Amino acid sequence: MLTINVAVLLAVIIVVRLRRRTEARKRSDEQLTVLIVLAFGVLVAPTAFGHGVADVVGQVAAGITRSGR
């Protein structure tokens, strides 16, 4: 039996959609891409990978905040 992880499927869809030419997109096409990316974020956030990404982004943001003082 073949199982597909929904997050992996959405990641592939995102890559395929973003590789297309940007000037040929309509507003509705861009909105669909944003919805797909948001759904991907919601699926990845509770995973170990999502927590790692959140930690890295938090450290970068803290470093930027400290360097601005």
C-alpha atoms as a PDB file:
ATOM      1  CA  MET A   1       0.000   0.000   0.000  1.00  0.00           C
ATOM      2  CA  LEU A   2       1.312   3.437  -0.963  1.00  0.00           C
ATOM      3  CA  THR A   3       0.922   6.282   1.515  1.00  0.00           C
ATOM      4  CA  ILE A   4       1.703   9.904   0.772  1.00  0.00           C
ATOM      5  CA  ASN A   5       2.496  12.441   3.438  1.00  0.00           C
ATOM      6  CA  VAL A   6       0.270  15.468   2.824  1.00  0.00           C
ATOM      7  CA  ALA A   7       3.039  17.897   3.834  1.00  0.00           C
ATOM      8  CA  VAL A   8       5.403  16.371   1.260  1.00  0.00           C
ATOM      9  CA  LEU A   9       2.707  16.530  -1.409  1.00  0.00           C
ATOM     10  CA  LEU A  10       2.063  20.210  -0.624  1.00  0.00           C
ATOM     11  CA  ALA A  11       5.808  20.925  -0.715  1.00  0.00           C
ATOM     12  CA  VAL A  12       6.011  19.431  -4.221  1.00  0.00           C
ATOM     13  CA  ILE A  13       2.980  21.459  -5.328  1.00  0.00           C
ATOM     14  CA  ILE A  14       4.544  24.649  -3.930  1.00  0.00           C
ATOM     15  CA  VAL A  15       7.823  24.054  -5.779  1.00  0.00           C
ATOM     16  CA  VAL A  16       6.019  23.366  -9.057  1.00  0.00           C
ATOM     17  CA  ARG A  17       3.810  26.455  -8.688  1.00  0.00           C
ATOM     18  CA  LEU A  18       6.717  28.755  -7.811  1.00  0.00           C
ATOM     19  CA  ARG A  19       8.831  27.590 -10.755  1.00  0.00           C
ATOM     20  CA  ARG A  20       6.322  29.019 -13.229  1.00  0.00           C
ATOM     21  CA  ARG A  21       6.802  32.449 -14.756  1.00  0.00           C
ATOM     22  CA  THR A  22       5.566  35.213 -12.490  1.00  0.00           C
ATOM     23  CA  GLU A  23       4.199  37.607 -15.116  1.00  0.00           C
ATOM     24  CA  ALA A  24       1.711  34.996 -16.335  1.00  0.00           C
ATOM     25  CA  ARG A  25      -0.053  34.694 -12.969  1.00  0.00           C
ATOM     26  CA  LYS A  26      -3.455  36.045 -12.112  1.00  0.00           C
ATOM     27  CA  ARG A  27      -4.422  37.373  -8.703  1.00  0.00           C
ATOM     28  CA  SER A  28      -6.527  34.288  -7.989  1.00  0.00           C
ATOM     29  CA  ASP A  29      -3.540  32.086  -8.848  1.00  0.00           C
ATOM     30  CA  GLU A  30      -1.371  33.981  -6.352  1.00  0.00           C
ATOM     31  CA  GLN A  31      -4.058  33.684  -3.676  1.00  0.00           C
ATOM     32  CA  LEU A  32      -4.247  29.923  -4.214  1.00  0.00           C
ATOM     33  CA  THR A  33      -0.467  29.693  -3.805  1.00  0.00           C
ATOM     34  CA  VAL A  34      -0.683  31.617  -0.532  1.00  0.00           C
ATOM     35  CA  LEU A  35      -3.400  29.267   0.759  1.00  0.00           C
ATOM     36  CA  ILE A  36      -1.332  26.217  -0.170  1.00  0.00           C
ATOM     37  CA  VAL A  37       1.728  27.653   1.605  1.00  0.00           C
ATOM     38  CA  LEU A  38      -0.349  28.429   4.710  1.00  0.00           C
ATOM     39  CA  ALA A  39      -1.736  24.883   4.766  1.00  0.00           C
ATOM     40  CA  PHE A  40       1.823  23.560   4.421  1.00  0.00           C
ATOM     41  CA  GLY A  41       2.931  25.712   7.358  1.00  0.00           C
ATOM     42  CA  VAL A  42       0.109  24.433   9.538  1.00  0.00           C
ATOM     43  CA  LEU A  43       1.017  20.814   8.709  1.00  0.00           C
ATOM     44  CA  VAL A  44       4.760  21.269   9.271  1.00  0.00           C
ATOM     45  CA  ALA A  45       4.614  23.451  12.411  1.00  0.00           C
ATOM     46  CA  PRO A  46       3.954  20.682  14.989  1.00  0.00           C
ATOM     47  CA  THR A  47       6.723  18.437  13.624  1.00  0.00           C
ATOM     48  CA  ALA A  48      10.329  18.315  14.822  1.00  0.00           C
ATOM     49  CA  PHE A  49      11.378  20.008  11.571  1.00  0.00           C
ATOM     50  CA  GLY A  50       8.874  22.802  12.178  1.00  0.00           C
ATOM     51  CA  HIS A  51      10.138  23.334  15.715  1.00  0.00           C
ATOM     52  CA  GLY A  52      13.720  23.469  14.411  1.00  0.00           C
ATOM     53  CA  VAL A  53      12.796  26.076  11.811  1.00  0.00           C
ATOM     54  CA  ALA A  54      10.955  28.132  14.449  1.00  0.00           C
ATOM     55  CA  ASP A  55      13.995  27.980  16.759  1.00  0.00           C
ATOM     56  CA  VAL A  56      16.364  29.123  13.998  1.00  0.00           C
ATOM     57  CA  VAL A  57      14.058  31.970  12.952  1.00  0.00           C
ATOM     58  CA  GLY A  58      13.696  32.998  16.601  1.00  0.00           C
ATOM     59  CA  GLN A  59      17.469  33.058  17.083  1.00  0.00           C
ATOM     60  CA  VAL A  60      17.957  35.130  13.921  1.00  0.00           C
ATOM     61  CA  ALA A  61      15.257  37.587  15.017  1.00  0.00           C
ATOM     62  CA  ALA A  62      16.806  37.861  18.491  1.00  0.00           C
ATOM     63  CA  GLY A  63      20.233  38.467  16.951  1.00  0.00           C
ATOM     64  CA  ILE A  64      18.855  41.201  14.712  1.00  0.00           C
ATOM     65  CA  THR A  65      17.097  42.811  17.662  1.00  0.00           C
ATOM     66  CA  ARG A  66      20.285  42.750  19.773  1.00  0.00           C
ATOM     67  CA  SER A  67      22.421  44.192  16.935  1.00  0.00           C
ATOM     68  CA  GLY A  68      19.993  47.108  16.508  1.00  0.00           C
ATOM     69  CA  ARG A  69      20.520  48.356  20.057  1.00  0.00           C
END
